[in-house]
Amino acid sequence: MRAVIQKTFGGPEVLEVVEVEKPALLSGEVLVRVHASAINPVDVAVRSGAFPLLGQPPFGVGWDISGVVEATGPGARYEIGEEVYGMPFFPRAANAYAEYIAAPSRQLARKPKSINHVEAAALPLAALTAWQGLVDKAGVQEGDRVLIHRAAGGVGHLAVQIAKARGAYVIALASAGKHDFVKSLGADEVIDYRTTDFTQVVKDVDIVFDSVADGARSLSVLKPGATLVTILEHVNPELEATVKASGRRFAGVSVEPDYAGLEAIAELVDAGKLRPVIAATLPLEEAGKAHELVAAGDTVGKVVLTVD
């Protein structure tokens, strides 16, 4: 099968397509014929060596997949031919930029029926990050005031929709050129963070969803007892101590595989309450170019590799 690996840290050019053996199945695992795999910022950081999560190369980066079950190990929870999606093994290597992947069946869920594989592959890591932060950690509910940083980004645009689906009032931070897009997702207020200091115009917030490591400043807009969700400063003892000393809750999120969360996300998609936005699709052989697009940091939505 074809798979993308890297033999050294470096720029996008270190990603290369090679021929490798199909993975062998263990008990409880399924072999998935991958149709699409999405790129996330963590993929770029791991590839470059900025975030040496997987140790030293060689390895394959990538986690998000959508595809079809082609074989099953003993005890697996899916049947051959079922469409599934997920982000198996994170934060360990999954080698997801490949034609096939073997993964524990309980780290996958059935693909939303109303979208295709490209759209489904765009969801797992980003949507689970938003779900685990907003729902599992913060318990977002109807009437909550939620401030979302980088609301047009891969995680942010899904966080806006998840918060709205739970009945929250969403205040979104995004650059001026992306305001119409963020409003189309359901945001109630959109603030241009480049020209406006949000701490001067926002107050009485129940939940801040911070994806830009701006937790210290975000603290000032939270009500007493409210929750700061942070996905970049989840291991920051100083920030955690500051948040708790102020009478607020600290919720650090390091996303993990979660079939129950994926099932809930699929329900929202099929109910028309959540839609992934695709910025670009490229073939497996252009994984390097896909990394360049994500690294630029100005895409709206997700970049996805097609593996067919």
Protein backbone atom coordinates (compact mmCIF):
# COMPACT_ATOMS: atom_id res chain seq x y z
CA MET A 1 0.00 0.00 0.00
CA ARG A 2 1.00 3.66 -0.37
CA ALA A 3 1.77 5.65 2.74
CA VAL A 4 3.40 8.99 3.52
CA ILE A 5 6.38 8.90 5.84
CA GLN A 6 9.28 11.15 6.78
CA LYS A 7 12.82 10.05 7.51
CA THR A 8 13.94 13.30 9.09
CA PHE A 9 12.52 16.47 10.62
CA GLY A 10 12.21 19.40 8.24
CA GLY A 11 9.97 21.28 5.85
CA PRO A 12 7.07 19.86 3.86
CA GLU A 13 9.52 18.38 1.38
CA VAL A 14 10.49 15.63 3.88
CA LEU A 15 7.10 13.97 3.38
CA GLU A 16 7.36 11.19 0.81
CA VAL A 17 5.04 8.52 -0.53
CA VAL A 18 6.45 5.01 -0.15
CA GLU A 19 5.23 1.44 -0.58
CA VAL A 20 4.78 -0.47 2.69
CA GLU A 21 3.02 -3.61 3.86
CA LYS A 22 -0.59 -3.40 4.98
CA PRO A 23 -0.84 -3.35 8.79
CA ALA A 24 -1.70 -6.61 10.54
CA LEU A 25 -4.82 -6.75 12.70
CA LEU A 26 -4.94 -7.43 16.44
CA SER A 27 -8.00 -8.41 18.47
CA GLY A 28 -10.59 -5.65 18.58
CA GLU A 29 -9.09 -3.84 15.60
CA VAL A 30 -10.42 -3.11 12.13
CA LEU A 31 -8.56 -2.58 8.88
CA VAL A 32 -9.86 0.60 7.27
CA ARG A 33 -9.48 1.41 3.59
CA VAL A 34 -8.84 5.12 3.94
CA HIS A 35 -10.65 7.44 1.54
CA ALA A 36 -9.56 10.74 3.06
CA SER A 37 -7.23 12.04 5.77
CA ALA A 38 -7.22 15.59 7.14
CA ILE A 39 -4.26 17.79 8.05
CA ASN A 40 -4.13 19.46 11.47
CA PRO A 41 -1.67 22.04 12.84
CA VAL A 42 -0.25 19.37 15.17
CA ASP A 43 0.76 17.36 12.09
CA VAL A 44 2.83 20.31 10.86
CA ALA A 45 4.47 20.82 14.26
CA VAL A 46 5.35 17.14 14.58
CA ARG A 47 6.75 16.97 11.04
CA SER A 48 9.01 19.99 11.56
CA GLY A 49 10.33 18.83 14.93
CA ALA A 50 8.82 21.84 16.73
CA PHE A 51 6.67 19.39 18.70
CA PRO A 52 8.59 16.07 18.86
CA LEU A 53 5.55 14.09 19.96
CA LEU A 54 6.54 10.89 18.16
CA GLY A 55 10.24 10.89 18.96
CA GLN A 56 12.77 10.66 16.16
CA PRO A 57 11.83 9.81 12.54
CA PRO A 58 11.18 7.73 10.58
CA PHE A 59 7.44 7.82 11.14
CA GLY A 60 4.20 8.78 9.46
CA VAL A 61 2.24 11.78 10.68
CA GLY A 62 -1.51 12.32 10.60
CA TRP A 63 -4.49 11.06 12.59
CA ASP A 64 -7.82 12.04 11.01
CA ILE A 65 -9.36 9.45 8.71
CA SER A 66 -12.60 8.44 7.04
CA GLY A 67 -12.98 5.21 5.17
CA VAL A 68 -14.52 1.74 4.88
CA VAL A 69 -13.90 -1.32 7.05
CA GLU A 70 -12.17 -3.94 4.91
CA ALA A 71 -11.31 -6.56 7.55
CA THR A 72 -12.00 -7.15 11.24
CA GLY A 73 -10.08 -8.68 14.10
CA PRO A 74 -11.74 -10.84 16.78
CA GLY A 75 -14.14 -8.83 18.90
CA ALA A 76 -14.21 -5.72 16.71
CA ARG A 77 -17.43 -3.68 16.89
CA TYR A 78 -17.92 -3.09 13.15
CA GLU A 79 -18.70 -5.21 10.12
CA ILE A 80 -16.88 -5.34 6.81
CA GLY A 81 -18.23 -2.64 4.50
CA GLU A 82 -19.23 -0.15 7.22
CA GLU A 83 -18.12 3.47 6.81
CA VAL A 84 -16.19 4.79 9.80
CA TYR A 85 -14.24 7.85 10.85
CA GLY A 86 -11.96 8.86 13.72
CA MET A 87 -8.50 9.87 14.97
CA PRO A 88 -7.02 6.62 16.27
CA PHE A 89 -4.05 6.35 18.63
CA PHE A 90 -3.55 10.08 19.27
CA PRO A 91 -1.11 11.15 20.71
CA ARG A 92 0.79 8.07 19.52
CA ALA A 93 1.55 7.48 15.85
CA ALA A 94 -1.37 6.47 13.62
CA ASN A 95 0.27 6.83 10.17
CA ALA A 96 -3.00 8.15 8.81
CA TYR A 97 -1.75 9.45 5.45
CA ALA A 98 -2.04 6.00 3.95
CA GLU A 99 -4.29 3.73 1.92
CA TYR A 100 -4.96 1.49 4.91
CA ILE A 101 -4.86 1.85 8.67
CA ALA A 102 -5.41 -0.70 11.43
CA ALA A 103 -7.07 0.81 14.50
CA PRO A 104 -8.94 -0.23 17.65
CA SER A 105 -12.60 -0.31 16.70
CA ARG A 106 -13.64 1.63 19.82
CA GLN A 107 -11.51 4.56 18.68
CA LEU A 108 -13.71 4.92 15.59
CA ALA A 109 -17.39 5.67 14.99
CA ARG A 110 -19.75 5.25 12.09
CA LYS A 111 -19.34 8.08 9.59
CA PRO A 112 -22.12 10.68 9.49
CA LYS A 113 -24.50 9.56 6.75
CA SER A 114 -25.18 13.01 5.34
CA ILE A 115 -21.60 13.90 4.34
CA ASN A 116 -18.87 12.36 2.21
CA HIS A 117 -15.51 10.96 3.29
CA VAL A 118 -13.62 14.20 2.67
CA GLU A 119 -15.97 16.11 4.97
CA ALA A 120 -15.97 13.34 7.56
CA ALA A 121 -12.17 13.20 7.65
CA ALA A 122 -12.12 16.91 8.45
CA LEU A 123 -13.97 16.35 11.72
CA PRO A 124 -12.37 14.00 14.25
CA LEU A 125 -9.42 15.77 15.88
CA ALA A 126 -10.82 19.29 15.57
CA ALA A 127 -14.42 18.43 16.47
CA LEU A 128 -13.40 16.18 19.37
CA THR A 129 -11.16 18.95 20.70
CA ALA A 130 -14.14 21.32 20.68
CA TRP A 131 -16.55 18.70 22.06
CA GLN A 132 -14.27 17.52 24.86
CA GLY A 133 -13.57 21.12 25.86
CA LEU A 134 -17.02 22.65 25.59
CA VAL A 135 -19.23 19.69 26.49
CA ASP A 136 -17.18 17.24 28.54
CA LYS A 137 -15.07 19.76 30.46
CA ALA A 138 -17.17 22.93 30.58
CA GLY A 139 -20.66 21.44 30.35
CA VAL A 140 -21.91 24.12 27.93
CA GLN A 141 -25.68 24.49 28.08
CA GLU A 142 -28.55 26.64 26.90
CA GLY A 143 -28.11 30.31 27.74
CA ASP A 144 -24.36 30.17 28.43
CA ARG A 145 -22.28 33.03 27.06
CA VAL A 146 -19.30 31.51 25.25
CA LEU A 147 -16.27 33.37 23.87
CA ILE A 148 -14.40 31.49 21.14
CA HIS A 149 -10.92 32.49 19.99
CA ARG A 150 -9.86 31.94 16.35
CA ALA A 151 -13.46 31.22 15.45
CA ALA A 152 -12.78 30.72 11.73
CA GLY A 153 -10.06 28.13 12.27
CA GLY A 154 -10.18 24.36 12.01
CA VAL A 155 -11.18 23.87 15.65
CA GLY A 156 -12.87 27.24 16.10
CA HIS A 157 -15.42 26.95 13.30
CA LEU A 158 -16.59 23.65 14.79
CA ALA A 159 -16.58 25.01 18.34
CA VAL A 160 -18.92 27.83 17.27
CA GLN A 161 -21.41 25.33 15.86
CA ILE A 162 -21.21 22.92 18.80
CA ALA A 163 -21.80 25.75 21.27
CA LYS A 164 -24.79 26.99 19.23
CA ALA A 165 -26.20 23.47 18.97
CA ARG A 166 -26.16 23.34 22.78
CA GLY A 167 -28.10 26.60 23.00
CA ALA A 168 -25.25 28.97 23.90
CA TYR A 169 -24.84 32.64 23.01
CA VAL A 170 -21.59 32.74 21.02
CA ILE A 171 -19.15 35.63 20.90
CA ALA A 172 -16.53 34.91 18.24
CA LEU A 173 -13.09 36.44 17.65
CA ALA A 174 -11.98 36.53 14.02
CA SER A 175 -10.31 38.87 11.54
CA ALA A 176 -12.61 41.24 9.65
CA GLY A 177 -12.45 39.32 6.39
CA LYS A 178 -13.86 36.21 8.05
CA HIS A 179 -16.78 37.83 9.88
CA ASP A 180 -19.42 36.85 7.34
CA PHE A 181 -18.21 33.26 7.42
CA VAL A 182 -18.31 33.06 11.21
CA LYS A 183 -21.76 34.66 11.31
CA SER A 184 -22.95 32.03 8.83
CA LEU A 185 -21.99 29.39 11.40
CA GLY A 186 -24.37 30.96 13.91
CA ALA A 187 -22.16 33.28 15.96
CA ASP A 188 -24.23 35.95 17.75
CA GLU A 189 -21.42 38.51 17.92
CA VAL A 190 -18.16 38.67 15.98
CA ILE A 191 -15.25 40.86 17.10
CA ASP A 192 -12.19 41.76 15.04
CA TYR A 193 -9.39 40.86 17.43
CA ARG A 194 -6.89 42.81 15.30
CA THR A 195 -8.56 46.15 15.86
CA THR A 196 -10.47 45.63 19.10
CA ASP A 197 -9.25 44.55 22.53
CA PHE A 198 -11.88 41.97 23.40
CA THR A 199 -11.20 42.39 27.11
CA GLN A 200 -12.58 45.92 26.85
CA VAL A 201 -15.87 44.99 25.17
CA VAL A 202 -16.71 41.51 26.46
CA LYS A 203 -17.83 40.62 29.98
CA ASP A 204 -19.89 38.14 32.00
CA VAL A 205 -18.79 35.11 29.98
CA ASP A 206 -19.54 31.59 31.23
CA ILE A 207 -16.96 29.79 29.07
CA VAL A 208 -13.89 30.94 27.17
CA PHE A 209 -12.64 28.48 24.54
CA ASP A 210 -9.00 29.47 24.05
CA SER A 211 -7.09 28.05 21.09
CA VAL A 212 -4.43 30.77 20.88
CA ALA A 213 -2.71 30.57 24.30
CA ASP A 214 -4.33 33.79 25.51
CA GLY A 215 -5.66 32.35 28.73
CA ALA A 216 -4.29 34.99 31.09
CA ARG A 217 -6.02 37.86 29.29
CA SER A 218 -9.18 35.83 28.73
CA LEU A 219 -9.56 35.41 32.46
CA SER A 220 -10.77 38.99 32.84
CA VAL A 221 -13.97 38.40 30.82
CA LEU A 222 -15.10 35.35 32.79
CA LYS A 223 -17.73 35.46 35.51
CA PRO A 224 -16.72 34.18 38.96
CA GLY A 225 -17.03 30.40 38.87
CA ALA A 226 -16.91 30.34 35.04
CA THR A 227 -14.60 28.10 32.99
CA LEU A 228 -11.47 28.73 30.95
CA VAL A 229 -11.00 25.95 28.39
CA THR A 230 -7.50 25.95 26.89
CA ILE A 231 -6.15 23.60 24.24
CA LEU A 232 -2.62 25.01 23.93
CA GLU A 233 -1.90 25.74 27.59
CA HIS A 234 -3.38 22.57 29.02
CA VAL A 235 -0.06 21.87 30.77
CA ASN A 236 0.57 25.27 32.36
CA PRO A 237 0.66 25.03 36.16
CA GLU A 238 1.15 28.78 36.56
CA LEU A 239 -1.93 29.61 34.49
CA GLU A 240 -3.96 26.91 36.21
CA ALA A 241 -3.02 28.30 39.63
CA THR A 242 -3.89 31.84 38.53
CA VAL A 243 -7.28 30.76 37.18
CA LYS A 244 -8.17 28.83 40.33
CA ALA A 245 -6.98 31.65 42.60
CA SER A 246 -9.34 34.01 40.78
CA GLY A 247 -12.33 31.82 41.57
CA ARG A 248 -12.69 30.42 38.06
CA ARG A 249 -12.38 26.86 36.71
CA PHE A 250 -9.40 25.70 34.65
CA ALA A 251 -10.07 23.08 31.97
CA GLY A 252 -7.03 21.97 30.00
CA VAL A 253 -7.86 19.81 26.99
CA SER A 254 -5.56 17.30 25.35
CA VAL A 255 -7.78 15.58 22.81
CA GLU A 256 -8.09 11.81 22.95
CA PRO A 257 -9.83 9.13 20.86
CA ASP A 258 -13.46 8.85 21.91
CA TYR A 259 -16.07 6.90 19.95
CA ALA A 260 -18.91 8.25 22.12
CA GLY A 261 -17.89 11.81 21.29
CA LEU A 262 -17.61 10.94 17.60
CA GLU A 263 -21.11 9.43 17.69
CA ALA A 264 -22.51 12.62 19.26
CA ILE A 265 -20.72 14.72 16.64
CA ALA A 266 -22.15 12.53 13.86
CA GLU A 267 -25.65 13.06 15.27
CA LEU A 268 -25.17 16.83 15.11
CA VAL A 269 -23.94 16.58 11.52
CA ASP A 270 -26.87 14.45 10.40
CA ALA A 271 -29.28 16.78 12.22
CA GLY A 272 -27.94 19.69 10.16
CA LYS A 273 -26.41 21.45 13.18
CA LEU A 274 -22.74 20.93 12.38
CA ARG A 275 -20.87 21.15 9.11
CA PRO A 276 -17.15 20.93 8.48
CA VAL A 277 -15.83 23.51 6.03
CA ILE A 278 -13.23 22.33 3.52
CA ALA A 279 -10.58 24.85 2.50
CA ALA A 280 -8.80 22.56 0.02
CA THR A 281 -8.44 18.93 -1.06
CA LEU A 282 -5.26 17.46 -2.47
CA PRO A 283 -4.12 13.94 -3.46
CA LEU A 284 -1.93 11.87 -1.14
CA GLU A 285 1.11 12.67 -3.25
CA GLU A 286 0.75 16.37 -2.41
CA ALA A 287 0.89 15.97 1.37
CA GLY A 288 3.74 18.48 1.47
CA LYS A 289 1.67 21.13 -0.27
CA ALA A 290 -1.20 20.43 2.11
CA HIS A 291 1.15 21.05 5.03
CA GLU A 292 2.20 24.35 3.46
CA LEU A 293 -1.43 25.48 3.32
CA VAL A 294 -2.04 24.61 6.96
CA ALA A 295 1.24 26.16 8.10
CA ALA A 296 0.31 29.46 6.41
CA GLY A 297 -2.42 29.80 9.02
CA ASP A 298 -4.94 31.71 6.91
CA THR A 299 -7.16 28.94 5.55
CA VAL A 300 -10.86 28.92 6.38
CA GLY A 301 -11.77 25.42 7.47
CA LYS A 302 -9.79 22.23 6.90
CA VAL A 303 -7.27 20.89 4.36
CA VAL A 304 -7.89 17.24 3.41
CA LEU A 305 -5.93 14.60 1.50
CA THR A 306 -7.86 12.27 -0.79
CA VAL A 307 -6.49 8.76 -0.78
CA ASP A 308 -8.58 7.10 -3.51
